[in-house]
N, C-alpha and C. Protein backbone atom coordinates (compact mmCIF):
# COMPACT_ATOMS: atom_id res chain seq x y z
N UNK A 1 -1.02 2.78 -13.77
CA UNK A 1 -0.92 1.95 -12.58
C UNK A 1 -0.54 0.52 -12.98
N UNK A 2 0.33 -0.07 -12.23
CA UNK A 2 0.79 -1.43 -12.52
C UNK A 2 -0.27 -2.44 -12.06
N UNK A 3 -0.41 -3.52 -12.82
CA UNK A 3 -1.37 -4.57 -12.47
C UNK A 3 -0.84 -5.35 -11.27
N UNK A 4 -1.71 -5.65 -10.32
CA UNK A 4 -1.27 -6.38 -9.14
C UNK A 4 -1.17 -7.88 -9.39
N UNK A 5 -2.10 -8.45 -10.16
CA UNK A 5 -2.05 -9.87 -10.47
C UNK A 5 -1.74 -10.03 -11.95
N UNK A 6 -0.74 -10.86 -12.25
CA UNK A 6 -0.28 -11.02 -13.62
C UNK A 6 -0.37 -12.49 -14.05
N UNK A 7 -0.20 -12.72 -15.34
CA UNK A 7 -0.19 -14.07 -15.89
C UNK A 7 0.95 -14.86 -15.23
N UNK A 8 0.64 -16.08 -14.83
CA UNK A 8 1.65 -16.93 -14.20
C UNK A 8 1.63 -16.90 -12.68
N UNK A 9 0.90 -15.96 -12.08
CA UNK A 9 0.80 -15.88 -10.62
C UNK A 9 -0.07 -17.00 -10.08
N UNK A 10 0.24 -17.49 -8.88
CA UNK A 10 -0.59 -18.46 -8.18
C UNK A 10 -1.60 -17.66 -7.35
N UNK A 11 -2.89 -17.98 -7.51
CA UNK A 11 -3.93 -17.26 -6.78
C UNK A 11 -4.84 -18.22 -6.04
N UNK A 12 -5.56 -17.68 -5.03
CA UNK A 12 -6.53 -18.43 -4.25
C UNK A 12 -7.89 -17.78 -4.49
N UNK A 13 -8.94 -18.58 -4.72
CA UNK A 13 -10.29 -18.06 -4.94
C UNK A 13 -10.93 -17.76 -3.58
N UNK A 14 -11.47 -16.53 -3.44
CA UNK A 14 -12.05 -16.08 -2.18
C UNK A 14 -13.56 -16.23 -2.12
N UNK A 15 -14.24 -16.24 -3.28
CA UNK A 15 -15.70 -16.28 -3.30
C UNK A 15 -16.18 -17.07 -4.50
N UNK A 16 -17.41 -17.59 -4.39
CA UNK A 16 -18.03 -18.31 -5.50
C UNK A 16 -18.01 -19.81 -5.28
N UNK A 17 -18.40 -20.54 -6.33
CA UNK A 17 -18.53 -22.00 -6.22
C UNK A 17 -17.19 -22.70 -6.02
N UNK A 18 -16.10 -22.06 -6.39
CA UNK A 18 -14.77 -22.66 -6.26
C UNK A 18 -13.97 -22.05 -5.12
N UNK A 19 -14.65 -21.51 -4.12
CA UNK A 19 -13.98 -20.87 -2.98
C UNK A 19 -13.00 -21.84 -2.32
N UNK A 20 -11.77 -21.36 -2.09
CA UNK A 20 -10.75 -22.18 -1.47
C UNK A 20 -9.81 -22.85 -2.45
N UNK A 21 -10.21 -22.97 -3.71
CA UNK A 21 -9.34 -23.58 -4.71
C UNK A 21 -8.24 -22.60 -5.09
N UNK A 22 -7.14 -23.16 -5.58
CA UNK A 22 -6.05 -22.31 -6.05
C UNK A 22 -5.60 -22.80 -7.41
N UNK A 23 -4.96 -21.91 -8.14
CA UNK A 23 -4.48 -22.26 -9.47
C UNK A 23 -3.62 -21.15 -10.03
N UNK A 24 -3.10 -21.38 -11.22
CA UNK A 24 -2.22 -20.41 -11.88
C UNK A 24 -3.03 -19.59 -12.88
N UNK A 25 -2.76 -18.29 -12.92
CA UNK A 25 -3.45 -17.41 -13.86
C UNK A 25 -2.91 -17.68 -15.26
N UNK A 26 -3.82 -18.02 -16.19
CA UNK A 26 -3.41 -18.31 -17.56
C UNK A 26 -3.64 -17.13 -18.49
N UNK A 27 -4.60 -16.27 -18.14
CA UNK A 27 -4.90 -15.12 -18.99
C UNK A 27 -5.50 -14.01 -18.14
N UNK A 28 -5.11 -12.76 -18.42
CA UNK A 28 -5.65 -11.59 -17.73
C UNK A 28 -6.42 -10.75 -18.73
N UNK A 29 -7.63 -10.35 -18.35
CA UNK A 29 -8.48 -9.51 -19.19
C UNK A 29 -8.66 -8.16 -18.49
N UNK A 30 -7.70 -7.22 -18.64
CA UNK A 30 -7.71 -5.99 -17.85
C UNK A 30 -8.87 -5.05 -18.14
N UNK A 31 -9.38 -5.04 -19.37
CA UNK A 31 -10.47 -4.12 -19.69
C UNK A 31 -11.75 -4.49 -18.97
N UNK A 32 -11.99 -5.79 -18.76
CA UNK A 32 -13.21 -6.23 -18.09
C UNK A 32 -12.97 -6.56 -16.61
N UNK A 33 -11.73 -6.46 -16.14
CA UNK A 33 -11.43 -6.74 -14.74
C UNK A 33 -11.60 -8.20 -14.37
N UNK A 34 -11.27 -9.08 -15.29
CA UNK A 34 -11.43 -10.51 -15.06
C UNK A 34 -10.15 -11.25 -15.43
N UNK A 35 -10.06 -12.50 -14.99
CA UNK A 35 -8.92 -13.33 -15.36
C UNK A 35 -9.35 -14.78 -15.43
N UNK A 36 -8.52 -15.59 -16.08
CA UNK A 36 -8.80 -17.02 -16.22
C UNK A 36 -7.76 -17.78 -15.41
N UNK A 37 -8.25 -18.64 -14.52
CA UNK A 37 -7.38 -19.41 -13.62
C UNK A 37 -7.49 -20.88 -14.00
N UNK A 38 -6.35 -21.54 -14.09
CA UNK A 38 -6.29 -22.94 -14.50
C UNK A 38 -7.02 -23.83 -13.50
N UNK A 39 -8.01 -24.60 -13.98
CA UNK A 39 -8.73 -25.55 -13.15
C UNK A 39 -9.81 -24.96 -12.27
N UNK A 40 -10.11 -23.67 -12.43
CA UNK A 40 -11.10 -22.99 -11.60
C UNK A 40 -12.23 -22.46 -12.48
N UNK A 41 -13.47 -22.50 -11.98
CA UNK A 41 -14.66 -22.00 -12.68
C UNK A 41 -14.86 -22.75 -14.00
N UNK A 42 -14.83 -24.09 -13.91
CA UNK A 42 -15.01 -24.93 -15.09
C UNK A 42 -16.47 -24.91 -15.53
N UNK A 43 -16.68 -24.73 -16.83
CA UNK A 43 -18.03 -24.75 -17.40
C UNK A 43 -18.04 -25.70 -18.59
N UNK A 44 -19.22 -26.19 -18.94
CA UNK A 44 -19.37 -27.09 -20.09
C UNK A 44 -20.12 -26.37 -21.18
N UNK A 45 -19.70 -26.61 -22.41
CA UNK A 45 -20.33 -25.97 -23.56
C UNK A 45 -20.57 -27.02 -24.64
N UNK A 46 -21.74 -26.98 -25.23
CA UNK A 46 -22.05 -27.87 -26.34
C UNK A 46 -21.41 -27.29 -27.59
N UNK A 47 -20.49 -28.05 -28.17
CA UNK A 47 -19.71 -27.59 -29.32
C UNK A 47 -20.26 -28.19 -30.61
N UNK A 48 -20.59 -27.33 -31.57
CA UNK A 48 -21.01 -27.78 -32.88
C UNK A 48 -19.77 -28.20 -33.66
N UNK A 49 -19.90 -29.20 -34.51
CA UNK A 49 -18.75 -29.69 -35.26
C UNK A 49 -18.30 -28.66 -36.30
N UNK A 50 -16.97 -28.49 -36.39
CA UNK A 50 -16.37 -27.64 -37.41
C UNK A 50 -15.35 -28.48 -38.17
N UNK A 51 -14.63 -27.84 -39.08
CA UNK A 51 -13.63 -28.59 -39.84
C UNK A 51 -12.49 -29.06 -38.93
N UNK A 52 -12.21 -28.32 -37.87
CA UNK A 52 -11.09 -28.68 -37.00
C UNK A 52 -11.51 -29.34 -35.70
N UNK A 53 -12.73 -29.05 -35.19
CA UNK A 53 -13.17 -29.57 -33.90
C UNK A 53 -14.28 -30.61 -34.06
N UNK A 54 -14.21 -31.64 -33.24
CA UNK A 54 -15.24 -32.67 -33.19
C UNK A 54 -16.42 -32.14 -32.38
N UNK A 55 -17.64 -32.53 -32.74
CA UNK A 55 -18.83 -32.13 -31.99
C UNK A 55 -18.86 -32.83 -30.64
N UNK A 56 -19.47 -32.19 -29.65
CA UNK A 56 -19.60 -32.80 -28.34
C UNK A 56 -19.63 -31.76 -27.25
N UNK A 57 -19.59 -32.21 -26.02
CA UNK A 57 -19.59 -31.31 -24.87
C UNK A 57 -18.16 -31.13 -24.43
N UNK A 58 -17.69 -29.89 -24.45
CA UNK A 58 -16.32 -29.63 -24.02
C UNK A 58 -16.32 -28.81 -22.74
N UNK A 59 -15.32 -29.00 -21.94
CA UNK A 59 -15.19 -28.34 -20.66
C UNK A 59 -14.00 -27.39 -20.71
N UNK A 60 -14.19 -26.18 -20.19
CA UNK A 60 -13.10 -25.20 -20.20
C UNK A 60 -13.27 -24.23 -19.04
N UNK A 61 -12.23 -23.43 -18.77
CA UNK A 61 -12.26 -22.46 -17.69
C UNK A 61 -12.93 -21.17 -18.16
N UNK A 62 -13.91 -20.69 -17.39
CA UNK A 62 -14.52 -19.40 -17.68
C UNK A 62 -13.79 -18.35 -16.85
N UNK A 63 -13.96 -17.09 -17.22
CA UNK A 63 -13.27 -16.03 -16.50
C UNK A 63 -13.89 -15.82 -15.12
N UNK A 64 -13.10 -15.25 -14.22
CA UNK A 64 -13.53 -14.97 -12.85
C UNK A 64 -13.11 -13.54 -12.52
N UNK A 65 -13.91 -12.86 -11.74
CA UNK A 65 -13.63 -11.46 -11.40
C UNK A 65 -12.35 -11.37 -10.56
N UNK A 66 -11.55 -10.35 -10.81
CA UNK A 66 -10.30 -10.16 -10.08
C UNK A 66 -10.57 -9.97 -8.60
N UNK A 67 -11.71 -9.37 -8.25
CA UNK A 67 -12.04 -9.12 -6.84
C UNK A 67 -12.30 -10.41 -6.07
N UNK A 68 -12.54 -11.51 -6.78
CA UNK A 68 -12.83 -12.79 -6.12
C UNK A 68 -11.60 -13.67 -5.94
N UNK A 69 -10.43 -13.17 -6.28
CA UNK A 69 -9.19 -13.92 -6.07
C UNK A 69 -8.17 -13.07 -5.32
N UNK A 70 -7.23 -13.75 -4.70
CA UNK A 70 -6.13 -13.09 -4.02
C UNK A 70 -4.84 -13.85 -4.34
N UNK A 71 -3.74 -13.14 -4.33
CA UNK A 71 -2.44 -13.75 -4.58
C UNK A 71 -2.14 -14.76 -3.49
N UNK A 72 -1.59 -15.91 -3.85
CA UNK A 72 -1.21 -16.94 -2.88
C UNK A 72 0.21 -16.66 -2.39
N UNK A 73 0.36 -16.48 -1.09
CA UNK A 73 1.66 -16.17 -0.50
C UNK A 73 2.66 -17.28 -0.82
N UNK A 74 3.87 -16.93 -1.30
CA UNK A 74 4.85 -17.96 -1.66
C UNK A 74 5.30 -18.83 -0.48
N UNK A 75 5.22 -18.33 0.75
CA UNK A 75 5.70 -19.10 1.90
C UNK A 75 4.71 -20.15 2.38
N UNK A 76 3.41 -19.79 2.49
CA UNK A 76 2.44 -20.74 3.04
C UNK A 76 1.23 -21.01 2.15
N UNK A 77 1.11 -20.33 1.01
CA UNK A 77 0.02 -20.58 0.08
C UNK A 77 -1.31 -19.94 0.46
N UNK A 78 -1.35 -19.17 1.54
CA UNK A 78 -2.58 -18.51 1.95
C UNK A 78 -2.72 -17.18 1.22
N UNK A 79 -3.95 -16.65 1.20
CA UNK A 79 -4.23 -15.40 0.49
C UNK A 79 -3.50 -14.23 1.12
N UNK A 80 -2.98 -13.35 0.28
CA UNK A 80 -2.28 -12.16 0.75
C UNK A 80 -2.52 -11.00 -0.20
N UNK A 81 -2.34 -9.80 0.30
CA UNK A 81 -2.40 -8.62 -0.55
C UNK A 81 -1.03 -8.40 -1.17
N UNK A 82 -1.01 -7.62 -2.25
CA UNK A 82 0.24 -7.31 -2.93
C UNK A 82 0.53 -5.84 -2.77
N UNK A 83 1.78 -5.53 -2.44
CA UNK A 83 2.21 -4.14 -2.32
C UNK A 83 3.35 -3.88 -3.30
N UNK A 84 3.67 -2.61 -3.43
CA UNK A 84 4.77 -2.20 -4.30
C UNK A 84 5.80 -1.46 -3.47
N UNK A 85 7.09 -1.68 -3.77
CA UNK A 85 8.15 -0.92 -3.12
C UNK A 85 9.32 -0.80 -4.07
N UNK A 86 10.14 0.20 -3.82
CA UNK A 86 11.33 0.44 -4.63
C UNK A 86 12.53 -0.06 -3.85
N UNK A 87 13.34 -0.91 -4.48
CA UNK A 87 14.55 -1.43 -3.84
C UNK A 87 15.66 -0.40 -3.87
N UNK A 88 16.75 -0.69 -3.17
CA UNK A 88 17.89 0.23 -3.10
C UNK A 88 18.51 0.51 -4.47
N UNK A 89 18.45 -0.49 -5.37
CA UNK A 89 19.04 -0.31 -6.69
C UNK A 89 18.09 0.41 -7.66
N UNK A 90 16.91 0.84 -7.18
CA UNK A 90 16.00 1.63 -8.01
C UNK A 90 14.92 0.83 -8.71
N UNK A 91 14.92 -0.51 -8.58
CA UNK A 91 13.89 -1.32 -9.22
C UNK A 91 12.59 -1.27 -8.42
N UNK A 92 11.44 -1.16 -9.12
CA UNK A 92 10.15 -1.23 -8.47
C UNK A 92 9.69 -2.67 -8.53
N UNK A 93 9.34 -3.25 -7.37
CA UNK A 93 8.98 -4.66 -7.29
C UNK A 93 7.65 -4.83 -6.57
N UNK A 94 7.01 -5.99 -6.80
CA UNK A 94 5.82 -6.38 -6.05
C UNK A 94 6.28 -7.23 -4.88
N UNK A 95 5.56 -7.12 -3.74
CA UNK A 95 5.89 -7.98 -2.60
C UNK A 95 4.62 -8.42 -1.91
N UNK A 96 4.69 -9.59 -1.27
CA UNK A 96 3.56 -10.14 -0.54
C UNK A 96 3.51 -9.46 0.83
N UNK A 97 2.38 -8.82 1.15
CA UNK A 97 2.27 -8.10 2.42
C UNK A 97 2.24 -9.05 3.62
N UNK A 98 1.80 -10.28 3.42
CA UNK A 98 1.71 -11.25 4.52
C UNK A 98 3.10 -11.64 5.04
N UNK A 99 4.01 -11.94 4.12
CA UNK A 99 5.34 -12.40 4.51
C UNK A 99 6.44 -11.40 4.23
N UNK A 100 6.17 -10.41 3.38
CA UNK A 100 7.18 -9.44 3.01
C UNK A 100 8.11 -9.91 1.92
N UNK A 101 7.84 -11.09 1.37
CA UNK A 101 8.71 -11.66 0.34
C UNK A 101 8.50 -10.97 -1.01
N UNK A 102 9.60 -10.68 -1.69
CA UNK A 102 9.54 -10.02 -3.00
C UNK A 102 9.05 -11.03 -4.04
N UNK A 103 8.07 -10.61 -4.86
CA UNK A 103 7.48 -11.47 -5.87
C UNK A 103 8.22 -11.35 -7.20
N UNK A 104 8.49 -10.13 -7.62
CA UNK A 104 9.17 -9.91 -8.88
C UNK A 104 9.04 -8.49 -9.34
N UNK A 105 9.70 -8.16 -10.44
CA UNK A 105 9.65 -6.81 -10.99
C UNK A 105 8.25 -6.48 -11.48
N UNK A 106 8.00 -5.19 -11.60
CA UNK A 106 6.70 -4.71 -12.08
C UNK A 106 6.66 -4.72 -13.58
């Protein structure tokens, strides 16, 4: 089965502390059903000093469950479902169900 949300997609958060925020997917973790979205679900971690990193408190994006995000429709930026269809030339593509706009190849 093809993945519905991929790296580089713009998504909207549907649930949790960052509900309503949107961002770009930077990493997909398919085995755990999670993904990392830029600027969403920020957490702080106390970092011990290493040879390459300075000690201190660093902030980074934690993963978020795929079920808590939805693809952002290219036309209006609101949450939409993703569907699959085959074009006349035989290519299988993803499309936004809200507007019907083609997103890209699978």
